[in-house]
Amino acid sequence: EDGMFQIQAKAVILAMGCRERSRGAL
């Protein structure tokens, strides 16, 4: 909807979680 946009924040909380390690198969 908005395309690329920027936001100025006074504070940021990082809550991106985790992903699986795909290395097992390699």
mmCIF file of all heavy atoms, coordinates in Angstrom:
data_MODEL
# 
_entry.id   MODEL 
# 
loop_
_atom_site.group_PDB 
_atom_site.id 
_atom_site.type_symbol 
_atom_site.label_atom_id 
_atom_site.label_alt_id 
_atom_site.label_comp_id 
_atom_site.label_asym_id 
_atom_site.label_entity_id 
_atom_site.label_seq_id 
_atom_site.pdbx_PDB_ins_code 
_atom_site.Cartn_x 
_atom_site.Cartn_y 
_atom_site.Cartn_z 
_atom_site.occupancy 
_atom_site.B_iso_or_equiv 
_atom_site.pdbx_formal_charge 
_atom_site.auth_seq_id 
_atom_site.auth_comp_id 
_atom_site.auth_asym_id 
_atom_site.auth_atom_id 
_atom_site.pdbx_PDB_model_num 
ATOM 1   N N   . GLU A 1 1  ? 0.825  -1.211  0.000  1.00 0.00 ? 1  GLU A N   1 
ATOM 2   C CA  . GLU A 1 1  ? 0.000  0.000   0.000  1.00 0.00 ? 1  GLU A CA  1 
ATOM 3   C C   . GLU A 1 1  ? 0.863  1.266   0.000  1.00 0.00 ? 1  GLU A C   1 
ATOM 4   O O   . GLU A 1 1  ? 0.646  2.182   -0.773 1.00 0.00 ? 1  GLU A O   1 
ATOM 5   C CB  . GLU A 1 1  ? -0.934 0.032   1.225  1.00 0.00 ? 1  GLU A CB  1 
ATOM 6   C CG  . GLU A 1 1  ? -2.039 -1.004  1.201  1.00 0.00 ? 1  GLU A CG  1 
ATOM 7   C CD  . GLU A 1 1  ? -1.543 -2.416  1.489  1.00 0.00 ? 1  GLU A CD  1 
ATOM 8   O OE1 . GLU A 1 1  ? -0.694 -2.571  2.384  1.00 0.00 ? 1  GLU A OE1 1 
ATOM 9   O OE2 . GLU A 1 1  ? -1.977 -3.358  0.786  1.00 0.00 ? 1  GLU A OE2 1 
ATOM 10  N N   . ASP A 1 2  ? 1.858  1.298   0.919  1.00 0.00 ? 2  ASP A N   1 
ATOM 11  C CA  . ASP A 1 2  ? 2.625  2.538   1.116  1.00 0.00 ? 2  ASP A CA  1 
ATOM 12  C C   . ASP A 1 2  ? 3.925  2.558   0.330  1.00 0.00 ? 2  ASP A C   1 
ATOM 13  O O   . ASP A 1 2  ? 4.628  3.566   0.338  1.00 0.00 ? 2  ASP A O   1 
ATOM 14  C CB  . ASP A 1 2  ? 2.954  2.720   2.614  1.00 0.00 ? 2  ASP A CB  1 
ATOM 15  C CG  . ASP A 1 2  ? 1.715  2.588   3.478  1.00 0.00 ? 2  ASP A CG  1 
ATOM 16  O OD1 . ASP A 1 2  ? 0.678  3.170   3.106  1.00 0.00 ? 2  ASP A OD1 1 
ATOM 17  O OD2 . ASP A 1 2  ? 1.772  1.906   4.522  1.00 0.00 ? 2  ASP A OD2 1 
ATOM 18  N N   . GLY A 1 3  ? 4.290  1.438   -0.309 1.00 0.00 ? 3  GLY A N   1 
ATOM 19  C CA  . GLY A 1 3  ? 5.604  1.379   -0.952 1.00 0.00 ? 3  GLY A CA  1 
ATOM 20  C C   . GLY A 1 3  ? 6.695  1.414   0.107  1.00 0.00 ? 3  GLY A C   1 
ATOM 21  O O   . GLY A 1 3  ? 6.542  0.878   1.192  1.00 0.00 ? 3  GLY A O   1 
ATOM 22  N N   . MET A 1 4  ? 7.806  2.088   -0.219 1.00 0.00 ? 4  MET A N   1 
ATOM 23  C CA  . MET A 1 4  ? 8.922  2.195   0.727  1.00 0.00 ? 4  MET A CA  1 
ATOM 24  C C   . MET A 1 4  ? 8.706  3.452   1.557  1.00 0.00 ? 4  MET A C   1 
ATOM 25  O O   . MET A 1 4  ? 8.436  4.514   1.000  1.00 0.00 ? 4  MET A O   1 
ATOM 26  C CB  . MET A 1 4  ? 10.220 2.321   -0.082 1.00 0.00 ? 4  MET A CB  1 
ATOM 27  C CG  . MET A 1 4  ? 11.439 2.135   0.732  1.00 0.00 ? 4  MET A CG  1 
ATOM 28  S SD  . MET A 1 4  ? 11.908 0.414   0.719  1.00 0.00 ? 4  MET A SD  1 
ATOM 29  C CE  . MET A 1 4  ? 13.592 0.508   0.275  1.00 0.00 ? 4  MET A CE  1 
ATOM 30  N N   . PHE A 1 5  ? 8.813  3.347   2.881  1.00 0.00 ? 5  PHE A N   1 
ATOM 31  C CA  . PHE A 1 5  ? 8.599  4.540   3.709  1.00 0.00 ? 5  PHE A CA  1 
ATOM 32  C C   . PHE A 1 5  ? 9.542  4.520   4.907  1.00 0.00 ? 5  PHE A C   1 
ATOM 33  O O   . PHE A 1 5  ? 10.076 3.467   5.261  1.00 0.00 ? 5  PHE A O   1 
ATOM 34  C CB  . PHE A 1 5  ? 7.143  4.647   4.173  1.00 0.00 ? 5  PHE A CB  1 
ATOM 35  C CG  . PHE A 1 5  ? 6.648  3.458   4.948  1.00 0.00 ? 5  PHE A CG  1 
ATOM 36  C CD1 . PHE A 1 5  ? 6.665  3.450   6.340  1.00 0.00 ? 5  PHE A CD1 1 
ATOM 37  C CD2 . PHE A 1 5  ? 6.157  2.336   4.291  1.00 0.00 ? 5  PHE A CD2 1 
ATOM 38  C CE1 . PHE A 1 5  ? 6.216  2.359   7.059  1.00 0.00 ? 5  PHE A CE1 1 
ATOM 39  C CE2 . PHE A 1 5  ? 5.700  1.228   5.009  1.00 0.00 ? 5  PHE A CE2 1 
ATOM 40  C CZ  . PHE A 1 5  ? 5.731  1.244   6.390  1.00 0.00 ? 5  PHE A CZ  1 
ATOM 41  N N   . GLN A 1 6  ? 9.733  5.703   5.500  1.00 0.00 ? 6  GLN A N   1 
ATOM 42  C CA  . GLN A 1 6  ? 10.628 5.819   6.653  1.00 0.00 ? 6  GLN A CA  1 
ATOM 43  C C   . GLN A 1 6  ? 9.877  6.381   7.851  1.00 0.00 ? 6  GLN A C   1 
ATOM 44  O O   . GLN A 1 6  ? 8.958  7.184   7.703  1.00 0.00 ? 6  GLN A O   1 
ATOM 45  C CB  . GLN A 1 6  ? 11.815 6.726   6.321  1.00 0.00 ? 6  GLN A CB  1 
ATOM 46  C CG  . GLN A 1 6  ? 12.810 6.048   5.384  1.00 0.00 ? 6  GLN A CG  1 
ATOM 47  C CD  . GLN A 1 6  ? 14.112 6.821   5.293  1.00 0.00 ? 6  GLN A CD  1 
ATOM 48  O OE1 . GLN A 1 6  ? 14.101 8.031   5.147  1.00 0.00 ? 6  GLN A OE1 1 
ATOM 49  N NE2 . GLN A 1 6  ? 15.227 6.125   5.363  1.00 0.00 ? 6  GLN A NE2 1 
ATOM 50  N N   . ILE A 1 7  ? 10.282 5.931   9.039  1.00 0.00 ? 7  ILE A N   1 
ATOM 51  C CA  . ILE A 1 7  ? 9.661  6.391   10.279 1.00 0.00 ? 7  ILE A CA  1 
ATOM 52  C C   . ILE A 1 7  ? 10.779 6.789   11.238 1.00 0.00 ? 7  ILE A C   1 
ATOM 53  O O   . ILE A 1 7  ? 11.742 6.042   11.412 1.00 0.00 ? 7  ILE A O   1 
ATOM 54  C CB  . ILE A 1 7  ? 8.831  5.263   10.931 1.00 0.00 ? 7  ILE A CB  1 
ATOM 55  C CG1 . ILE A 1 7  ? 7.665  4.868   10.022 1.00 0.00 ? 7  ILE A CG1 1 
ATOM 56  C CG2 . ILE A 1 7  ? 8.315  5.679   12.299 1.00 0.00 ? 7  ILE A CG2 1 
ATOM 57  C CD1 . ILE A 1 7  ? 7.024  3.562   10.413 1.00 0.00 ? 7  ILE A CD1 1 
ATOM 58  N N   . GLN A 1 8  ? 10.632 7.961   11.843 1.00 0.00 ? 8  GLN A N   1 
ATOM 59  C CA  . GLN A 1 8  ? 11.574 8.369   12.891 1.00 0.00 ? 8  GLN A CA  1 
ATOM 60  C C   . GLN A 1 8  ? 10.961 8.002   14.236 1.00 0.00 ? 8  GLN A C   1 
ATOM 61  O O   . GLN A 1 8  ? 9.851  8.424   14.560 1.00 0.00 ? 8  GLN A O   1 
ATOM 62  C CB  . GLN A 1 8  ? 11.825 9.884   12.832 1.00 0.00 ? 8  GLN A CB  1 
ATOM 63  C CG  . GLN A 1 8  ? 12.690 10.412  13.978 1.00 0.00 ? 8  GLN A CG  1 
ATOM 64  C CD  . GLN A 1 8  ? 14.128 9.912   13.907 1.00 0.00 ? 8  GLN A CD  1 
ATOM 65  O OE1 . GLN A 1 8  ? 14.838 10.162  12.948 1.00 0.00 ? 8  GLN A OE1 1 
ATOM 66  N NE2 . GLN A 1 8  ? 14.558 9.192   14.937 1.00 0.00 ? 8  GLN A NE2 1 
ATOM 67  N N   . ALA A 1 9  ? 11.673 7.175   15.002 1.00 0.00 ? 9  ALA A N   1 
ATOM 68  C CA  . ALA A 1 9  ? 11.152 6.736   16.303 1.00 0.00 ? 9  ALA A CA  1 
ATOM 69  C C   . ALA A 1 9  ? 12.009 7.312   17.415 1.00 0.00 ? 9  ALA A C   1 
ATOM 70  O O   . ALA A 1 9  ? 13.200 7.578   17.223 1.00 0.00 ? 9  ALA A O   1 
ATOM 71  C CB  . ALA A 1 9  ? 11.165 5.217   16.369 1.00 0.00 ? 9  ALA A CB  1 
ATOM 72  N N   . LYS A 1 10 ? 11.408 7.484   18.591 1.00 0.00 ? 10 LYS A N   1 
ATOM 73  C CA  . LYS A 1 10 ? 12.199 7.883   19.763 1.00 0.00 ? 10 LYS A CA  1 
ATOM 74  C C   . LYS A 1 10 ? 12.838 6.656   20.403 1.00 0.00 ? 10 LYS A C   1 
ATOM 75  O O   . LYS A 1 10 ? 13.891 6.747   21.023 1.00 0.00 ? 10 LYS A O   1 
ATOM 76  C CB  . LYS A 1 10 ? 11.306 8.607   20.776 1.00 0.00 ? 10 LYS A CB  1 
ATOM 77  C CG  . LYS A 1 10 ? 10.839 9.979   20.285 1.00 0.00 ? 10 LYS A CG  1 
ATOM 78  C CD  . LYS A 1 10 ? 10.008 10.666  21.347 1.00 0.00 ? 10 LYS A CD  1 
ATOM 79  C CE  . LYS A 1 10 ? 9.454  11.992  20.817 1.00 0.00 ? 10 LYS A CE  1 
ATOM 80  N NZ  . LYS A 1 10 ? 8.435  12.548  21.721 1.00 0.00 ? 10 LYS A NZ  1 
ATOM 81  N N   . ALA A 1 11 ? 12.138 5.507   20.287 1.00 0.00 ? 11 ALA A N   1 
ATOM 82  C CA  . ALA A 1 11 ? 12.701 4.244   20.788 1.00 0.00 ? 11 ALA A CA  1 
ATOM 83  C C   . ALA A 1 11 ? 12.226 3.119   19.881 1.00 0.00 ? 11 ALA A C   1 
ATOM 84  O O   . ALA A 1 11 ? 11.178 3.220   19.241 1.00 0.00 ? 11 ALA A O   1 
ATOM 85  C CB  . ALA A 1 11 ? 12.261 3.986   22.227 1.00 0.00 ? 11 ALA A CB  1 
ATOM 86  N N   . VAL A 1 12 ? 13.026 2.051   19.814 1.00 0.00 ? 12 VAL A N   1 
ATOM 87  C CA  . VAL A 1 12 ? 12.693 0.884   18.981 1.00 0.00 ? 12 VAL A CA  1 
ATOM 88  C C   . VAL A 1 12 ? 12.804 -0.363  19.851 1.00 0.00 ? 12 VAL A C   1 
ATOM 89  O O   . VAL A 1 12 ? 13.750 -0.494  20.634 1.00 0.00 ? 12 VAL A O   1 
ATOM 90  C CB  . VAL A 1 12 ? 13.671 0.763   17.777 1.00 0.00 ? 12 VAL A CB  1 
ATOM 91  C CG1 . VAL A 1 12 ? 13.405 -0.518  16.993 1.00 0.00 ? 12 VAL A CG1 1 
ATOM 92  C CG2 . VAL A 1 12 ? 13.557 1.976   16.864 1.00 0.00 ? 12 VAL A CG2 1 
ATOM 93  N N   . ILE A 1 13 ? 11.825 -1.269  19.730 1.00 0.00 ? 13 ILE A N   1 
ATOM 94  C CA  . ILE A 1 13 ? 11.950 -2.575  20.381 1.00 0.00 ? 13 ILE A CA  1 
ATOM 95  C C   . ILE A 1 13 ? 12.096 -3.636  19.300 1.00 0.00 ? 13 ILE A C   1 
ATOM 96  O O   . ILE A 1 13 ? 11.260 -3.735  18.401 1.00 0.00 ? 13 ILE A O   1 
ATOM 97  C CB  . ILE A 1 13 ? 10.735 -2.888  21.281 1.00 0.00 ? 13 ILE A CB  1 
ATOM 98  C CG1 . ILE A 1 13 ? 10.660 -1.881  22.432 1.00 0.00 ? 13 ILE A CG1 1 
ATOM 99  C CG2 . ILE A 1 13 ? 10.837 -4.315  21.828 1.00 0.00 ? 13 ILE A CG2 1 
ATOM 100 C CD1 . ILE A 1 13 ? 9.505  -2.115  23.391 1.00 0.00 ? 13 ILE A CD1 1 
ATOM 101 N N   . LEU A 1 14 ? 13.181 -4.394  19.377 1.00 0.00 ? 14 LEU A N   1 
ATOM 102 C CA  . LEU A 1 14 ? 13.427 -5.481  18.423 1.00 0.00 ? 14 LEU A CA  1 
ATOM 103 C C   . LEU A 1 14 ? 12.739 -6.735  18.958 1.00 0.00 ? 14 LEU A C   1 
ATOM 104 O O   . LEU A 1 14 ? 13.046 -7.191  20.056 1.00 0.00 ? 14 LEU A O   1 
ATOM 105 C CB  . LEU A 1 14 ? 14.928 -5.738  18.285 1.00 0.00 ? 14 LEU A CB  1 
ATOM 106 C CG  . LEU A 1 14 ? 15.786 -4.515  17.925 1.00 0.00 ? 14 LEU A CG  1 
ATOM 107 C CD1 . LEU A 1 14 ? 17.263 -4.854  18.054 1.00 0.00 ? 14 LEU A CD1 1 
ATOM 108 C CD2 . LEU A 1 14 ? 15.473 -4.030  16.526 1.00 0.00 ? 14 LEU A CD2 1 
ATOM 109 N N   . ALA A 1 15 ? 11.789 -7.273  18.187 1.00 0.00 ? 15 ALA A N   1 
ATOM 110 C CA  . ALA A 1 15 ? 11.073 -8.482  18.625 1.00 0.00 ? 15 ALA A CA  1 
ATOM 111 C C   . ALA A 1 15 ? 10.849 -9.384  17.413 1.00 0.00 ? 15 ALA A C   1 
ATOM 112 O O   . ALA A 1 15 ? 9.738  -9.814  17.130 1.00 0.00 ? 15 ALA A O   1 
ATOM 113 C CB  . ALA A 1 15 ? 9.744  -8.095  19.287 1.00 0.00 ? 15 ALA A CB  1 
ATOM 114 N N   . MET A 1 16 ? 11.938 -9.649  16.680 1.00 0.00 ? 16 MET A N   1 
ATOM 115 C CA  . MET A 1 16 ? 11.811 -10.370 15.399 1.00 0.00 ? 16 MET A CA  1 
ATOM 116 C C   . MET A 1 16 ? 11.735 -11.886 15.578 1.00 0.00 ? 16 MET A C   1 
ATOM 117 O O   . MET A 1 16 ? 11.485 -12.604 14.618 1.00 0.00 ? 16 MET A O   1 
ATOM 118 C CB  . MET A 1 16 ? 13.007 -10.055 14.487 1.00 0.00 ? 16 MET A CB  1 
ATOM 119 C CG  . MET A 1 16 ? 13.000 -8.650  13.926 1.00 0.00 ? 16 MET A CG  1 
ATOM 120 S SD  . MET A 1 16 ? 13.821 -7.442  14.981 1.00 0.00 ? 16 MET A SD  1 
ATOM 121 C CE  . MET A 1 16 ? 15.531 -7.825  14.808 1.00 0.00 ? 16 MET A CE  1 
ATOM 122 N N   . GLY A 1 17 ? 12.024 -12.368 16.793 1.00 0.00 ? 17 GLY A N   1 
ATOM 123 C CA  . GLY A 1 17 ? 11.963 -13.812 16.993 1.00 0.00 ? 17 GLY A CA  1 
ATOM 124 C C   . GLY A 1 17 ? 13.177 -14.528 16.416 1.00 0.00 ? 17 GLY A C   1 
ATOM 125 O O   . GLY A 1 17 ? 14.242 -13.931 16.243 1.00 0.00 ? 17 GLY A O   1 
ATOM 126 N N   . CYS A 1 18 ? 13.015 -15.820 16.113 1.00 0.00 ? 18 CYS A N   1 
ATOM 127 C CA  . CYS A 1 18 ? 14.163 -16.581 15.613 1.00 0.00 ? 18 CYS A CA  1 
ATOM 128 C C   . CYS A 1 18 ? 13.733 -17.409 14.409 1.00 0.00 ? 18 CYS A C   1 
ATOM 129 O O   . CYS A 1 18 ? 12.551 -17.507 14.095 1.00 0.00 ? 18 CYS A O   1 
ATOM 130 C CB  . CYS A 1 18 ? 14.712 -17.497 16.707 1.00 0.00 ? 18 CYS A CB  1 
ATOM 131 S SG  . CYS A 1 18 ? 13.481 -18.621 17.330 1.00 0.00 ? 18 CYS A SG  1 
ATOM 132 N N   . ARG A 1 19 ? 14.728 -17.978 13.728 1.00 0.00 ? 19 ARG A N   1 
ATOM 133 C CA  . ARG A 1 19 ? 14.416 -18.843 12.586 1.00 0.00 ? 19 ARG A CA  1 
ATOM 134 C C   . ARG A 1 19 ? 15.149 -20.156 12.772 1.00 0.00 ? 19 ARG A C   1 
ATOM 135 O O   . ARG A 1 19 ? 16.027 -20.279 13.625 1.00 0.00 ? 19 ARG A O   1 
ATOM 136 C CB  . ARG A 1 19 ? 14.840 -18.183 11.277 1.00 0.00 ? 19 ARG A CB  1 
ATOM 137 C CG  . ARG A 1 19 ? 16.302 -17.833 11.218 1.00 0.00 ? 19 ARG A CG  1 
ATOM 138 C CD  . ARG A 1 19 ? 16.599 -16.988 9.984  1.00 0.00 ? 19 ARG A CD  1 
ATOM 139 N NE  . ARG A 1 19 ? 17.850 -16.265 10.139 1.00 0.00 ? 19 ARG A NE  1 
ATOM 140 C CZ  . ARG A 1 19 ? 19.034 -16.760 9.874  1.00 0.00 ? 19 ARG A CZ  1 
ATOM 141 N NH1 . ARG A 1 19 ? 19.150 -17.986 9.421  1.00 0.00 ? 19 ARG A NH1 1 
ATOM 142 N NH2 . ARG A 1 19 ? 20.125 -16.039 10.037 1.00 0.00 ? 19 ARG A NH2 1 
ATOM 143 N N   . GLU A 1 20 ? 14.789 -21.119 11.948 1.00 0.00 ? 20 GLU A N   1 
ATOM 144 C CA  . GLU A 1 20 ? 15.407 -22.433 12.097 1.00 0.00 ? 20 GLU A CA  1 
ATOM 145 C C   . GLU A 1 20 ? 16.792 -22.447 11.474 1.00 0.00 ? 20 GLU A C   1 
ATOM 146 O O   . GLU A 1 20 ? 17.026 -21.819 10.442 1.00 0.00 ? 20 GLU A O   1 
ATOM 147 C CB  . GLU A 1 20 ? 14.534 -23.493 11.436 1.00 0.00 ? 20 GLU A CB  1 
ATOM 148 C CG  . GLU A 1 20 ? 13.287 -23.756 12.235 1.00 0.00 ? 20 GLU A CG  1 
ATOM 149 C CD  . GLU A 1 20 ? 12.450 -24.851 11.629 1.00 0.00 ? 20 GLU A CD  1 
ATOM 150 O OE1 . GLU A 1 20 ? 11.752 -24.568 10.655 1.00 0.00 ? 20 GLU A OE1 1 
ATOM 151 O OE2 . GLU A 1 20 ? 12.500 -25.980 12.119 1.00 0.00 ? 20 GLU A OE2 1 
ATOM 152 N N   . ARG A 1 21 ? 17.659 -23.196 12.094 1.00 0.00 ? 21 ARG A N   1 
ATOM 153 C CA  . ARG A 1 21 ? 18.991 -23.403 11.538 1.00 0.00 ? 21 ARG A CA  1 
ATOM 154 C C   . ARG A 1 21 ? 18.855 -24.434 10.415 1.00 0.00 ? 21 ARG A C   1 
ATOM 155 O O   . ARG A 1 21 ? 18.438 -25.554 10.641 1.00 0.00 ? 21 ARG A O   1 
ATOM 156 C CB  . ARG A 1 21 ? 19.896 -23.948 12.645 1.00 0.00 ? 21 ARG A CB  1 
ATOM 157 C CG  . ARG A 1 21 ? 21.355 -24.067 12.273 1.00 0.00 ? 21 ARG A CG  1 
ATOM 158 C CD  . ARG A 1 21 ? 22.051 -24.930 13.299 1.00 0.00 ? 21 ARG A CD  1 
ATOM 159 N NE  . ARG A 1 21 ? 21.951 -24.367 14.647 1.00 0.00 ? 21 ARG A NE  1 
ATOM 160 C CZ  . ARG A 1 21 ? 22.969 -23.804 15.283 1.00 0.00 ? 21 ARG A CZ  1 
ATOM 161 N NH1 . ARG A 1 21 ? 24.142 -23.752 14.731 1.00 0.00 ? 21 ARG A NH1 1 
ATOM 162 N NH2 . ARG A 1 21 ? 22.825 -23.326 16.490 1.00 0.00 ? 21 ARG A NH2 1 
ATOM 163 N N   . SER A 1 22 ? 19.203 -24.032 9.211  1.00 0.00 ? 22 SER A N   1 
ATOM 164 C CA  . SER A 1 22 ? 19.012 -24.953 8.086  1.00 0.00 ? 22 SER A CA  1 
ATOM 165 C C   . SER A 1 22 ? 20.272 -25.778 7.838  1.00 0.00 ? 22 SER A C   1 
ATOM 166 O O   . SER A 1 22 ? 20.288 -26.621 6.970  1.00 0.00 ? 22 SER A O   1 
ATOM 167 C CB  . SER A 1 22 ? 18.666 -24.153 6.834  1.00 0.00 ? 22 SER A CB  1 
ATOM 168 O OG  . SER A 1 22 ? 19.663 -23.164 6.642  1.00 0.00 ? 22 SER A OG  1 
ATOM 169 N N   . ARG A 1 23 ? 21.300 -25.505 8.620  1.00 0.00 ? 23 ARG A N   1 
ATOM 170 C CA  . ARG A 1 23 ? 22.606 -26.144 8.399  1.00 0.00 ? 23 ARG A CA  1 
ATOM 171 C C   . ARG A 1 23 ? 22.568 -27.660 8.464  1.00 0.00 ? 23 ARG A C   1 
ATOM 172 O O   . ARG A 1 23 ? 23.419 -28.328 7.916  1.00 0.00 ? 23 ARG A O   1 
ATOM 173 C CB  . ARG A 1 23 ? 23.557 -25.699 9.518  1.00 0.00 ? 23 ARG A CB  1 
ATOM 174 C CG  . ARG A 1 23 ? 24.403 -24.547 9.191  1.00 0.00 ? 23 ARG A CG  1 
ATOM 175 C CD  . ARG A 1 23 ? 25.753 -24.568 9.816  1.00 0.00 ? 23 ARG A CD  1 
ATOM 176 N NE  . ARG A 1 23 ? 25.981 -25.383 10.958 1.00 0.00 ? 23 ARG A NE  1 
ATOM 177 C CZ  . ARG A 1 23 ? 26.407 -24.923 12.125 1.00 0.00 ? 23 ARG A CZ  1 
ATOM 178 N NH1 . ARG A 1 23 ? 26.560 -23.638 12.295 1.00 0.00 ? 23 ARG A NH1 1 
ATOM 179 N NH2 . ARG A 1 23 ? 26.679 -25.728 13.107 1.00 0.00 ? 23 ARG A NH2 1 
ATOM 180 N N   . GLY A 1 24 ? 21.584 -28.202 9.203  1.00 0.00 ? 24 GLY A N   1 
ATOM 181 C CA  . GLY A 1 24 ? 21.580 -29.632 9.485  1.00 0.00 ? 24 GLY A CA  1 
ATOM 182 C C   . GLY A 1 24 ? 21.742 -30.488 8.250  1.00 0.00 ? 24 GLY A C   1 
ATOM 183 O O   . GLY A 1 24 ? 22.370 -31.537 8.284  1.00 0.00 ? 24 GLY A O   1 
ATOM 184 N N   . ALA A 1 25 ? 21.177 -30.023 7.129  1.00 0.00 ? 25 ALA A N   1 
ATOM 185 C CA  . ALA A 1 25 ? 21.189 -30.853 5.921  1.00 0.00 ? 25 ALA A CA  1 
ATOM 186 C C   . ALA A 1 25 ? 22.501 -30.721 5.163  1.00 0.00 ? 25 ALA A C   1 
ATOM 187 O O   . ALA A 1 25 ? 22.811 -31.539 4.307  1.00 0.00 ? 25 ALA A O   1 
ATOM 188 C CB  . ALA A 1 25 ? 20.038 -30.442 5.015  1.00 0.00 ? 25 ALA A CB  1 
ATOM 189 N N   . LEU A 1 26 ? 23.267 -29.691 5.474  1.00 0.00 ? 26 LEU A N   1 
ATOM 190 C CA  . LEU A 1 26 ? 24.349 -29.330 4.561  1.00 0.00 ? 26 LEU A CA  1 
ATOM 191 C C   . LEU A 1 26 ? 25.533 -30.286 4.616  1.00 0.00 ? 26 LEU A C   1 
ATOM 192 O O   . LEU A 1 26 ? 26.259 -30.420 3.653  1.00 0.00 ? 26 LEU A O   1 
ATOM 193 C CB  . LEU A 1 26 ? 24.831 -27.906 4.848  1.00 0.00 ? 26 LEU A CB  1 
ATOM 194 C CG  . LEU A 1 26 ? 23.755 -26.836 4.633  1.00 0.00 ? 26 LEU A CG  1 
ATOM 195 C CD1 . LEU A 1 26 ? 24.328 -25.459 4.875  1.00 0.00 ? 26 LEU A CD1 1 
ATOM 196 C CD2 . LEU A 1 26 ? 23.164 -26.914 3.244  1.00 0.00 ? 26 LEU A CD2 1 
# 
